[in-house]
Amino acid sequence: MARAVPPSEQPNTPASSDNPGDPTWEVELLRVLVSRKGTQVEAQWAIHPQLKQDLLPAEWQEVVELMAKATDIVGERFSKALAQIDPIPPGNA
């Protein structure tokens, strides 16, 4: 699921423009995961729980529909790329 990543301890990390003394936190709001098992390709998505709570029902429905389209596109392209790299060997019938 989505997670918050604390600021890195690197000296060249830029500070937040709102408060120059505070390091910037990175928060993962959305994640798309594409996985493969043999010839089967699966795309899944996840959203940060707080963001989901903050959305109105109509907004949540819109996110669900858009992410379904996005995961379909990503999964299809991933599948095509795998087919070019690792084609299915011909079988004996």
Protein backbone atom coordinates (compact mmCIF):
# COMPACT_ATOMS: atom_id res chain seq x y z
CA MET A 1 0.00 0.00 0.00
CA ALA A 2 1.05 3.63 -0.15
CA ARG A 3 3.58 4.92 2.35
CA ALA A 4 5.31 8.08 3.55
CA VAL A 5 9.04 8.32 3.04
CA PRO A 6 11.01 10.42 5.56
CA PRO A 7 13.37 13.08 4.27
CA SER A 8 16.78 11.86 3.24
CA GLU A 9 19.74 12.91 5.34
CA GLN A 10 21.74 14.10 2.35
CA PRO A 11 23.17 17.60 2.77
CA ASN A 12 22.10 18.72 -0.75
CA THR A 13 18.40 17.92 -0.21
CA PRO A 14 16.37 21.08 -0.89
CA ALA A 15 14.20 22.35 1.96
CA SER A 16 10.49 23.02 1.64
CA SER A 17 9.72 26.45 0.20
CA ASP A 18 7.01 27.00 2.86
CA ASN A 19 9.43 26.52 5.74
CA PRO A 20 13.12 26.68 4.75
CA GLY A 21 14.21 24.92 7.96
CA ASP A 22 12.06 21.81 7.38
CA PRO A 23 13.18 18.96 5.13
CA THR A 24 10.61 17.85 2.55
CA TRP A 25 8.68 14.61 3.10
CA GLU A 26 7.77 12.49 0.11
CA VAL A 27 4.38 10.80 0.35
CA GLU A 28 3.40 8.05 -2.04
CA LEU A 29 -0.24 8.76 -2.86
CA LEU A 30 -0.73 6.31 -5.68
CA ARG A 31 0.98 3.10 -6.74
CA VAL A 32 0.58 0.94 -9.85
CA LEU A 33 2.07 -2.54 -9.71
CA VAL A 34 2.42 -4.78 -12.75
CA SER A 35 3.38 -8.40 -12.17
CA ARG A 36 3.90 -11.42 -14.36
CA LYS A 37 3.36 -15.13 -13.80
CA GLY A 38 4.36 -17.02 -16.92
CA THR A 39 2.31 -15.50 -19.74
CA GLN A 40 -0.22 -13.90 -17.36
CA VAL A 41 0.24 -10.16 -16.72
CA GLU A 42 -1.62 -8.46 -13.88
CA ALA A 43 -1.82 -4.73 -13.09
CA GLN A 44 -3.03 -3.47 -9.71
CA TRP A 45 -3.26 -0.06 -8.11
CA ALA A 46 -3.43 1.32 -4.60
CA ILE A 47 -4.15 4.73 -3.13
CA HIS A 48 -3.06 6.25 0.17
CA PRO A 49 -5.82 5.57 2.79
CA GLN A 50 -6.04 9.21 3.85
CA LEU A 51 -6.50 10.38 0.28
CA LYS A 52 -9.30 7.85 -0.17
CA GLN A 53 -11.04 9.17 2.96
CA ASP A 54 -10.71 12.76 1.76
CA LEU A 55 -12.45 12.09 -1.57
CA LEU A 56 -16.17 12.53 -2.09
CA PRO A 57 -18.01 9.43 -3.38
CA ALA A 58 -18.25 10.87 -6.92
CA GLU A 59 -14.53 11.73 -6.87
CA TRP A 60 -13.68 8.24 -5.62
CA GLN A 61 -15.73 6.70 -8.45
CA GLU A 62 -13.89 8.86 -10.97
CA VAL A 63 -10.52 7.75 -9.54
CA VAL A 64 -11.61 4.08 -9.73
CA GLU A 65 -12.64 4.44 -13.37
CA LEU A 66 -9.48 6.32 -14.38
CA MET A 67 -7.20 3.88 -12.57
CA ALA A 68 -8.96 0.91 -14.18
CA LYS A 69 -8.16 2.46 -17.57
CA ALA A 70 -4.58 3.23 -16.51
CA THR A 71 -3.89 -0.29 -15.25
CA ASP A 72 -5.39 -1.74 -18.45
CA ILE A 73 -3.05 0.41 -20.55
CA VAL A 74 0.02 -0.36 -18.42
CA GLY A 75 -0.78 -4.08 -18.31
CA GLU A 76 -1.34 -4.25 -22.08
CA ARG A 77 1.89 -2.41 -22.88
CA PHE A 78 3.84 -4.52 -20.37
CA SER A 79 2.39 -7.66 -21.96
CA LYS A 80 3.37 -6.50 -25.47
CA ALA A 81 6.89 -5.64 -24.32
CA LEU A 82 7.28 -9.07 -22.73
CA ALA A 83 6.04 -10.77 -25.88
CA GLN A 84 8.76 -9.01 -27.89
CA ILE A 85 11.51 -9.85 -25.40
CA ASP A 86 10.38 -13.32 -24.32
CA PRO A 87 8.12 -14.80 -27.01
CA ILE A 88 6.18 -17.97 -26.22
CA PRO A 89 8.04 -20.90 -27.81
CA PRO A 90 6.07 -22.91 -30.36
CA GLY A 91 4.52 -26.05 -28.91
CA ASN A 92 4.12 -29.55 -30.24
CA ALA A 93 0.51 -30.34 -31.08
